[in-house]
Amino acid sequence: MNEWHTDKWFTSNWNFAEEVRRGIHFKDGIKIHDVTLRDGEQQAGLVLTCDQKIALAEKMAELGIHRIEAGMPAVSAEDARAVSKIVKRRLPAEIFGFARCMVDDVKRAADCGVSGIVIEIPSNEEMIREAYGWSLEKAVELSVKATKAAQGAGLYTVFFPIDMTRANIDWVLKLIGQVAADGHMDALAVVDTMGGLAPHTVPYLIDAIKSRIDKPLEVHFHDDFGLGVANSIMGLAAGADVVHTTISACGERAGNAAYEHLALALLTMYGYDLGLDYSKIYSLSKLLRSFIDLPVRGNMGVIGDRVFDIESGIVAGWYKNVKNTNPLLVTPYLPELTGHPGTEVVLGKHSGGPSIDCWADRLHIKLDKEQKSDLLGQIKLAACKKGNTLDEQEVRLLFKQYQ
C-alpha cells in the first residue's frame, strides 16, 4: 500500500512522481471555508430557511468543515437570525459573516456574534466606475473604514476584492496595499468572481500577490468554465492557506468550487488529508438537495446518485471477477469512502452476459446459455423502449419466467 493505492482508493502513481511533486507547496493546516449559506444561496432560485441553514451548518461541522460562512446579516432579518442561531450552537467550526464594505454591514455581522468576517469591495476599475458608479477613491475610503470597524469589533478580517482576477493587477495590488496599511486585513482573498482564471495562471498570480502582500491568502474561485476545483488546487499548491467552497458546487451563476471534489482529490491524488469525515460527503450533498432544487447528474463524480452503477457488460464482467478480492480495479475509490451505497450492476441496453450472471446469482436463479441469451435480448429491448436502465421490479419480472 502507498499514497496512490490504499485499501480505499487507487489513483495514479504518476501523481507522486518527484518531478510532479517538486512544484507543489501545500501549507500545513489548510482550511475549508464553506460559503454555501451565503454565496451558495445566491444561486438563482435557491432559498434556504433559517432551520435548513442550521441543519446544514451542523452537518458541515460534523463532517469537519473548518470554517462556515453563515450568511450576510444585512440581507434580511431572517439571515441575521440564522447567523446568530448558528453561532449559538457553538459548533466545532469557526463561524464567519459576510459584509459589503460598509460600517453598518460590519456592525450587523458583529452583533450576530461571529468570530470573523469577509468584507467585499469591487476591485475592477470598470466595475467600480460603471456598475457601482463610484470613484476609485471612494472604493479605497470605504474599504479602509469598514475593515477598521471590523478590527474594532475584534473580528478576524478577510478582505475580499470582487472581480480581482479581471482587474488591472497594479491597481488592485495598490488597493490591497492601502487597505493593509491604512485599514485592517488579517487575510486576503484572491477572488475569481467570474471564473475567468486559467489553472496555470493561478500560481503566477499567487506568487505576484505574495511578493507584495505579507498576509495569509484565501482562494475563492467560481466554476463558469468548470475549473473551480482545478484552480483551487493550483492555488493551494502555490501556498494559499484557505480555500472557499460550497456543497455540491452551488452558487452564483455556474456555482463555486465543490468541496467534495476538492477534498477527495487532495486526499487520493496528492496525499493531503484535510481531516474531514469523508464518509459523510454523500449524505451532506443529499441533505442540501432535499432542501432545494439542485439537480445533480446521476454520474457526477463523488456526489452523483449513480456514480457506482455499472451497466456495461464488459465492466460488469470485471466487477464480477474482482468484487470480492480487488474491487478497486474497477473504480478509483470505494463507495464507502464517501458514504455511497455499494456498487450495483444495473441492466440496460449495454448489458452483457456477466450482467445477467450477477443478477442470476443475486436472485438465486440458474440459467442455461440459451436462456441467458434470450433474457439479455429481452432486457436490451425493454431498456431501449424505456430509454433507461430497468428498475429492480422490472428485472425481477423478466427473470421470473425462468424460475
Protein backbone atom coordinates (compact mmCIF):
# COMPACT_ATOMS: atom_id res chain seq x y z
CA MET A 1 0.00 0.00 0.00
CA ASN A 2 1.11 3.56 -0.74
CA GLU A 3 -0.31 7.05 -1.18
CA TRP A 4 -1.99 6.33 -4.50
CA HIS A 5 -3.13 2.78 -3.71
CA THR A 6 -4.66 2.10 -0.30
CA ASP A 7 -7.46 -0.16 0.84
CA LYS A 8 -9.94 2.62 -0.05
CA TRP A 9 -8.64 4.19 -3.27
CA PHE A 10 -6.45 3.51 -6.29
CA THR A 11 -5.47 6.59 -8.32
CA SER A 12 -2.25 7.13 -10.31
CA ASN A 13 1.34 6.69 -9.26
CA TRP A 14 2.25 9.42 -11.76
CA ASN A 15 0.73 11.96 -9.35
CA PHE A 16 3.54 11.22 -6.93
CA ALA A 17 6.48 11.35 -9.33
CA GLU A 18 9.29 13.50 -7.94
CA GLU A 19 9.18 15.79 -10.98
CA VAL A 20 5.47 16.42 -10.37
CA ARG A 21 5.73 16.93 -6.62
CA ARG A 22 8.57 19.41 -6.95
CA GLY A 23 6.18 22.23 -7.86
CA ILE A 24 3.62 21.53 -5.13
CA HIS A 25 3.85 23.55 -1.92
CA PHE A 26 0.82 22.84 0.24
CA LYS A 27 0.74 24.63 3.58
CA ASP A 28 0.17 22.68 6.77
CA GLY A 29 -3.32 23.11 8.20
CA ILE A 30 -5.20 24.13 5.06
CA LYS A 31 -8.76 25.18 5.93
CA ILE A 32 -12.00 24.83 4.02
CA HIS A 33 -14.11 27.98 4.27
CA ASP A 34 -17.57 26.92 3.14
CA VAL A 35 -19.74 29.63 1.58
CA THR A 36 -22.88 27.57 0.84
CA LEU A 37 -25.05 29.55 3.24
CA ARG A 38 -24.14 32.85 1.58
CA ASP A 39 -22.64 32.58 -1.92
CA GLY A 40 -24.31 29.22 -2.46
CA GLU A 41 -27.72 30.70 -1.72
CA GLN A 42 -27.07 33.42 -4.30
CA GLN A 43 -27.69 30.81 -6.98
CA ALA A 44 -30.81 31.89 -8.87
CA GLY A 45 -33.89 30.25 -7.36
CA LEU A 46 -32.14 28.86 -4.30
CA VAL A 47 -33.67 29.74 -0.92
CA LEU A 48 -32.79 28.19 2.43
CA THR A 49 -34.82 28.71 5.59
CA CYS A 50 -33.25 29.51 8.94
CA ASP A 51 -33.79 25.94 10.16
CA GLN A 52 -32.32 24.48 6.97
CA LYS A 53 -29.23 26.65 7.33
CA ILE A 54 -28.78 25.49 10.91
CA ALA A 55 -29.15 21.85 9.87
CA LEU A 56 -26.56 22.26 7.12
CA ALA A 57 -24.16 24.07 9.44
CA GLU A 58 -24.45 21.28 12.00
CA LYS A 59 -23.77 18.60 9.37
CA MET A 60 -20.84 20.58 7.95
CA ALA A 61 -19.34 20.83 11.42
CA GLU A 62 -19.83 17.08 11.96
CA LEU A 63 -18.04 16.41 8.70
CA GLY A 64 -15.14 18.58 9.82
CA ILE A 65 -15.52 21.73 7.70
CA HIS A 66 -13.17 24.19 9.35
CA ARG A 67 -15.00 27.44 8.67
CA ILE A 68 -18.62 28.18 7.89
CA GLU A 69 -19.65 31.48 6.32
CA ALA A 70 -23.10 31.53 7.90
CA GLY A 71 -24.56 34.34 5.84
CA MET A 72 -24.82 38.05 5.22
CA PRO A 73 -26.85 39.60 8.07
CA ALA A 74 -27.55 42.76 6.06
CA VAL A 75 -29.63 40.79 3.52
CA SER A 76 -32.62 40.28 5.82
CA ALA A 77 -33.70 39.82 9.42
CA GLU A 78 -34.09 36.10 8.65
CA ASP A 79 -30.46 35.89 7.52
CA ALA A 80 -29.27 37.69 10.64
CA ARG A 81 -31.34 35.33 12.78
CA ALA A 82 -29.83 32.30 11.06
CA VAL A 83 -26.29 33.57 11.60
CA SER A 84 -26.98 34.29 15.28
CA LYS A 85 -28.56 30.88 15.85
CA ILE A 86 -25.67 29.09 14.16
CA VAL A 87 -23.20 30.99 16.37
CA LYS A 88 -25.18 29.98 19.46
CA ARG A 89 -24.88 26.30 18.51
CA ARG A 90 -21.17 26.54 19.45
CA LEU A 91 -20.23 24.19 16.65
CA PRO A 92 -16.67 22.86 16.28
CA ALA A 93 -16.10 25.23 13.35
CA GLU A 94 -15.25 28.91 13.01
CA ILE A 95 -18.35 30.93 12.13
CA PHE A 96 -17.90 33.90 9.80
CA GLY A 97 -20.23 36.55 8.48
CA PHE A 98 -20.12 38.39 5.16
CA ALA A 99 -20.43 42.13 4.62
CA ARG A 100 -20.26 44.78 1.99
CA CYS A 101 -17.66 47.46 2.55
CA MET A 102 -19.99 49.37 4.81
CA VAL A 103 -19.57 50.02 8.51
CA ASP A 104 -23.25 49.24 9.17
CA ASP A 105 -22.88 45.84 7.50
CA VAL A 106 -19.87 45.07 9.65
CA LYS A 107 -21.76 46.09 12.80
CA ARG A 108 -24.69 43.82 11.91
CA ALA A 109 -22.35 40.88 11.47
CA ALA A 110 -20.54 41.62 14.72
CA ASP A 111 -23.88 41.82 16.55
CA CYS A 112 -24.58 38.24 15.44
CA GLY A 113 -21.55 37.04 17.41
CA VAL A 114 -19.39 35.77 14.55
CA SER A 115 -15.66 35.37 15.11
CA GLY A 116 -14.65 36.51 11.66
CA ILE A 117 -15.89 38.48 8.69
CA VAL A 118 -15.37 38.58 4.94
CA ILE A 119 -15.59 42.14 3.63
CA GLU A 120 -16.15 42.69 -0.09
CA ILE A 121 -15.29 45.63 -2.32
CA PRO A 122 -15.28 45.87 -6.12
CA SER A 123 -11.68 45.90 -7.33
CA ASN A 124 -12.11 46.04 -11.09
CA GLU A 125 -11.82 49.70 -12.11
CA GLU A 126 -14.50 49.34 -14.79
CA MET A 127 -16.89 47.72 -12.32
CA ILE A 128 -16.25 50.41 -9.70
CA ARG A 129 -16.99 53.22 -12.15
CA GLU A 130 -19.72 51.65 -14.32
CA ALA A 131 -21.54 49.07 -12.17
CA TYR A 132 -21.26 50.90 -8.84
CA GLY A 133 -20.97 54.47 -10.07
CA TRP A 134 -18.16 55.20 -7.60
CA SER A 135 -14.83 56.94 -7.87
CA LEU A 136 -11.76 54.81 -7.18
CA GLU A 137 -11.07 56.98 -4.15
CA LYS A 138 -14.47 56.09 -2.70
CA ALA A 139 -13.72 52.37 -3.03
CA VAL A 140 -10.49 52.81 -1.11
CA GLU A 141 -12.13 55.00 1.54
CA LEU A 142 -14.98 52.54 2.14
CA SER A 143 -12.54 49.64 2.36
CA VAL A 144 -10.40 51.37 4.96
CA LYS A 145 -13.38 52.39 7.12
CA ALA A 146 -15.12 49.01 7.00
CA THR A 147 -12.00 46.98 7.75
CA LYS A 148 -11.09 49.30 10.62
CA ALA A 149 -14.60 48.81 12.01
CA ALA A 150 -14.12 45.05 11.82
CA GLN A 151 -10.83 45.35 13.67
CA GLY A 152 -12.52 47.45 16.32
CA ALA A 153 -15.16 44.76 16.74
CA GLY A 154 -12.45 42.15 17.28
CA LEU A 155 -13.26 40.22 14.09
CA TYR A 156 -10.77 38.22 12.06
CA THR A 157 -10.99 40.12 8.81
CA VAL A 158 -10.71 38.68 5.31
CA PHE A 159 -10.51 41.38 2.62
CA PHE A 160 -12.42 40.22 -0.45
CA PRO A 161 -11.77 42.22 -3.68
CA ILE A 162 -14.63 41.38 -6.07
CA ASP A 163 -13.59 40.55 -9.66
CA MET A 164 -9.96 40.73 -8.68
CA THR A 165 -8.76 38.47 -11.50
CA ARG A 166 -10.13 40.78 -14.20
CA ALA A 167 -8.80 43.95 -12.57
CA ASN A 168 -5.62 45.75 -13.53
CA ILE A 169 -3.04 43.96 -11.41
CA ASP A 170 -1.14 47.12 -10.45
CA TRP A 171 -4.32 48.92 -9.37
CA VAL A 172 -5.67 46.01 -7.36
CA LEU A 173 -2.36 45.45 -5.58
CA LYS A 174 -2.25 49.16 -4.79
CA LEU A 175 -5.79 48.95 -3.35
CA ILE A 176 -4.87 45.94 -1.23
CA GLY A 177 -1.67 47.58 -0.04
CA GLN A 178 -3.51 50.73 1.00
CA VAL A 179 -6.16 48.75 2.91
CA ALA A 180 -3.44 46.75 4.65
CA ALA A 181 -1.63 49.94 5.62
CA ASP A 182 -4.49 52.31 6.49
CA GLY A 183 -7.30 49.89 7.29
CA HIS A 184 -7.10 46.33 8.56
CA MET A 185 -6.62 42.95 6.95
CA ASP A 186 -5.87 39.62 8.62
CA ALA A 187 -6.07 37.73 5.34
CA LEU A 188 -6.63 38.44 1.66
CA ALA A 189 -9.00 36.50 -0.59
CA VAL A 190 -7.92 36.00 -4.19
CA VAL A 191 -11.32 36.30 -5.86
CA ASP A 192 -12.12 34.96 -9.33
CA THR A 193 -15.70 36.22 -9.34
CA MET A 194 -16.41 35.43 -12.99
CA GLY A 195 -14.43 32.19 -13.17
CA GLY A 196 -12.16 33.52 -15.91
CA LEU A 197 -8.81 32.45 -14.47
CA ALA A 198 -6.92 29.59 -16.15
CA PRO A 199 -5.38 26.93 -13.87
CA HIS A 200 -1.80 27.55 -14.98
CA THR A 201 -2.21 31.27 -14.27
CA VAL A 202 -3.05 30.69 -10.62
CA PRO A 203 0.49 30.03 -9.29
CA TYR A 204 1.79 33.12 -11.09
CA LEU A 205 -0.96 35.26 -9.56
CA ILE A 206 -0.43 33.83 -6.07
CA ASP A 207 3.32 34.46 -6.31
CA ALA A 208 2.76 38.02 -7.56
CA ILE A 209 0.48 38.80 -4.63
CA LYS A 210 2.75 37.14 -2.06
CA SER A 211 5.66 39.26 -3.29
CA ARG A 212 3.69 42.41 -2.44
CA ILE A 213 1.37 41.44 0.43
CA ASP A 214 2.59 39.61 3.52
CA LYS A 215 -0.77 38.18 4.60
CA PRO A 216 -2.35 34.71 4.60
CA LEU A 217 -4.09 34.07 1.28
CA GLU A 218 -7.50 32.54 0.65
CA VAL A 219 -8.73 31.41 -2.77
CA HIS A 220 -12.30 31.92 -3.97
CA PHE A 221 -12.89 30.53 -7.45
CA HIS A 222 -16.11 30.21 -9.43
CA ASP A 223 -16.95 27.41 -11.84
CA ASP A 224 -18.07 29.14 -15.03
CA PHE A 225 -15.65 27.09 -17.12
CA GLY A 226 -15.75 24.01 -14.89
CA LEU A 227 -12.35 24.89 -13.42
CA GLY A 228 -13.25 25.98 -9.90
CA VAL A 229 -11.76 22.91 -8.23
CA ALA A 230 -8.72 22.76 -10.53
CA ASN A 231 -7.97 26.42 -9.87
CA SER A 232 -8.44 25.94 -6.13
CA ILE A 233 -5.98 23.05 -6.06
CA MET A 234 -3.46 25.11 -8.04
CA GLY A 235 -3.90 27.95 -5.56
CA LEU A 236 -3.36 25.69 -2.57
CA ALA A 237 -0.36 24.07 -4.25
CA ALA A 238 1.10 27.58 -4.68
CA GLY A 239 0.80 28.23 -0.95
CA ALA A 240 -2.70 29.55 -0.24
CA ASP A 241 -3.87 28.91 3.32
CA VAL A 242 -7.66 28.69 2.93
CA VAL A 243 -9.99 27.59 0.13
CA HIS A 244 -13.57 28.81 -0.32
CA THR A 245 -16.02 26.13 -1.45
CA THR A 246 -19.68 25.17 -1.48
CA ILE A 247 -21.61 21.95 -1.08
CA SER A 248 -22.09 20.32 -4.48
CA ALA A 249 -20.85 23.42 -6.34
CA CYS A 250 -23.98 25.53 -5.72
CA GLY A 251 -23.51 29.26 -6.08
CA GLU A 252 -23.81 32.39 -8.19
CA ARG A 253 -24.23 31.63 -11.93
CA ALA A 254 -22.30 28.37 -12.56
CA GLY A 255 -21.51 27.93 -8.87
CA ASN A 256 -18.38 27.72 -6.75
CA ALA A 257 -15.70 25.10 -6.31
CA ALA A 258 -17.25 21.93 -4.88
CA TYR A 259 -15.63 20.99 -1.58
CA GLU A 260 -16.41 17.32 -2.24
CA HIS A 261 -14.29 17.11 -5.39
CA LEU A 262 -11.54 19.25 -3.91
CA ALA A 263 -11.27 17.27 -0.68
CA LEU A 264 -11.29 13.86 -2.34
CA ALA A 265 -8.77 14.93 -4.99
CA LEU A 266 -6.41 16.27 -2.31
CA LEU A 267 -6.71 13.04 -0.34
CA THR A 268 -6.37 10.49 -3.13
CA MET A 269 -4.26 12.30 -5.73
CA TYR A 270 -2.00 14.43 -3.54
CA GLY A 271 -1.88 12.54 -0.25
CA TYR A 272 -3.19 15.60 1.63
CA ASP A 273 -5.75 14.84 4.32
CA LEU A 274 -7.90 17.82 5.32
CA GLY A 275 -9.05 15.94 8.40
CA LEU A 276 -12.64 15.53 7.22
CA ASP A 277 -15.02 12.64 7.80
CA TYR A 278 -15.16 11.75 4.11
CA SER A 279 -17.83 9.11 4.74
CA LYS A 280 -20.35 11.93 5.31
CA ILE A 281 -19.76 13.60 1.93
CA TYR A 282 -22.64 11.95 0.08
CA SER A 283 -25.16 12.40 2.90
CA LEU A 284 -24.38 16.13 3.21
CA SER A 285 -24.94 16.61 -0.51
CA LYS A 286 -28.21 14.68 -0.27
CA LEU A 287 -29.29 16.84 2.68
CA LEU A 288 -28.77 20.04 0.70
CA ARG A 289 -30.61 18.58 -2.28
CA SER A 290 -33.53 17.60 -0.05
CA PHE A 291 -33.96 21.27 0.84
CA ILE A 292 -33.67 22.85 -2.59
CA ASP A 293 -33.98 22.23 -6.31
CA LEU A 294 -30.34 21.47 -7.09
CA PRO A 295 -30.13 19.00 -9.97
CA VAL A 296 -27.00 16.84 -9.82
CA ARG A 297 -26.45 14.47 -12.71
CA GLY A 298 -26.52 10.85 -11.63
CA ASN A 299 -22.97 10.09 -12.71
CA MET A 300 -21.44 13.24 -11.20
CA GLY A 301 -18.14 12.29 -9.60
CA VAL A 302 -18.10 12.00 -5.80
CA ILE A 303 -21.73 13.11 -5.23
CA GLY A 304 -23.79 11.51 -8.02
CA ASP A 305 -26.50 9.02 -7.04
CA ARG A 306 -25.49 6.58 -9.80
CA VAL A 307 -21.73 7.04 -9.87
CA PHE A 308 -21.23 3.43 -8.73
CA ASP A 309 -23.78 1.88 -11.11
CA ILE A 310 -22.36 -0.44 -13.78
CA GLU A 311 -24.35 -1.03 -16.98
CA SER A 312 -21.62 -2.07 -19.41
CA GLY A 313 -21.42 -5.85 -19.79
CA ILE A 314 -17.64 -5.72 -20.09
CA VAL A 315 -17.22 -3.77 -16.85
CA ALA A 316 -19.80 -5.98 -15.14
CA GLY A 317 -17.54 -8.90 -16.05
CA TRP A 318 -14.54 -7.18 -14.49
CA TYR A 319 -16.54 -6.42 -11.37
CA LYS A 320 -17.86 -9.98 -11.11
CA ASN A 321 -14.29 -11.29 -11.17
CA VAL A 322 -12.77 -8.87 -8.64
CA LYS A 323 -15.59 -7.66 -6.37
CA ASN A 324 -14.56 -9.94 -3.51
CA THR A 325 -10.81 -9.68 -4.00
CA ASN A 326 -9.78 -6.37 -5.57
CA PRO A 327 -12.78 -4.10 -6.31
CA LEU A 328 -10.54 -1.06 -6.80
CA LEU A 329 -9.64 -2.41 -10.21
CA VAL A 330 -12.99 -1.11 -11.49
CA THR A 331 -13.27 2.17 -9.55
CA PRO A 332 -10.81 4.82 -8.29
CA TYR A 333 -12.24 4.73 -4.77
CA LEU A 334 -14.70 2.57 -2.85
CA PRO A 335 -18.29 3.73 -2.28
CA GLU A 336 -17.88 3.60 1.49
CA LEU A 337 -15.16 6.27 1.36
CA THR A 338 -17.79 8.89 0.53
CA GLY A 339 -20.74 7.16 2.19
CA HIS A 340 -22.38 5.94 -1.01
CA PRO A 341 -24.38 2.71 -1.22
CA GLY A 342 -22.37 -0.16 -2.70
CA THR A 343 -21.55 -0.75 -6.35
CA GLU A 344 -24.51 -2.09 -8.30
CA VAL A 345 -24.71 -3.85 -11.66
CA VAL A 346 -27.76 -2.45 -13.45
CA LEU A 347 -29.42 -3.90 -16.54
CA GLY A 348 -29.92 -1.93 -19.74
CA LYS A 349 -29.07 -1.61 -23.41
CA HIS A 350 -25.33 -2.08 -22.82
CA SER A 351 -25.58 -5.10 -20.52
CA GLY A 352 -23.91 -8.39 -21.36
CA GLY A 353 -23.65 -11.96 -20.19
CA PRO A 354 -21.75 -11.07 -17.00
CA SER A 355 -24.54 -8.62 -16.11
CA ILE A 356 -27.07 -11.47 -16.33
CA ASP A 357 -24.79 -13.67 -14.22
CA CYS A 358 -24.61 -11.03 -11.46
CA TRP A 359 -28.39 -10.78 -11.25
CA ALA A 360 -28.93 -14.53 -11.55
CA ASP A 361 -26.62 -15.02 -8.56
CA ARG A 362 -28.42 -12.31 -6.65
CA LEU A 363 -31.87 -13.82 -7.35
CA HIS A 364 -30.66 -17.42 -6.92
CA ILE A 365 -31.84 -18.40 -10.40
CA LYS A 366 -29.93 -20.84 -12.62
CA LEU A 367 -29.94 -20.16 -16.34
CA ASP A 368 -28.51 -22.10 -19.26
CA LYS A 369 -26.69 -20.43 -22.13
CA GLU A 370 -29.79 -20.18 -24.31
CA GLN A 371 -31.89 -18.69 -21.51
CA LYS A 372 -29.20 -16.09 -20.78
CA SER A 373 -29.09 -15.05 -24.42
CA ASP A 374 -32.89 -14.85 -24.65
CA LEU A 375 -33.16 -12.88 -21.41
CA LEU A 376 -30.42 -10.48 -22.45
CA GLY A 377 -32.29 -9.75 -25.68
CA GLN A 378 -35.47 -9.01 -23.73
CA ILE A 379 -33.59 -6.71 -21.37
CA LYS A 380 -31.99 -4.74 -24.21
CA LEU A 381 -35.34 -4.37 -25.96
CA ALA A 382 -37.10 -3.25 -22.78
CA ALA A 383 -34.33 -0.76 -21.96
CA CYS A 384 -34.45 0.74 -25.45
CA LYS A 385 -38.21 1.18 -25.20
CA LYS A 386 -37.89 2.73 -21.75
CA GLY A 387 -34.91 4.89 -22.65
CA ASN A 388 -33.17 3.96 -19.40
CA THR A 389 -31.96 1.06 -17.33
CA LEU A 390 -34.54 -1.25 -15.79
CA ASP A 391 -35.53 -0.91 -12.16
CA GLU A 392 -35.47 -3.86 -9.79
CA GLN A 393 -39.16 -4.64 -10.19
CA GLU A 394 -38.82 -4.77 -13.98
CA VAL A 395 -35.75 -7.00 -13.73
CA ARG A 396 -37.41 -9.41 -11.31
CA LEU A 397 -40.43 -9.70 -13.60
CA LEU A 398 -38.24 -10.69 -16.55
CA PHE A 399 -36.22 -13.18 -14.51
CA LYS A 400 -39.39 -14.67 -13.01
CA GLN A 401 -40.21 -16.51 -16.24
CA TYR A 402 -37.14 -18.71 -15.70
CA GLN A 403 -37.83 -19.71 -12.11
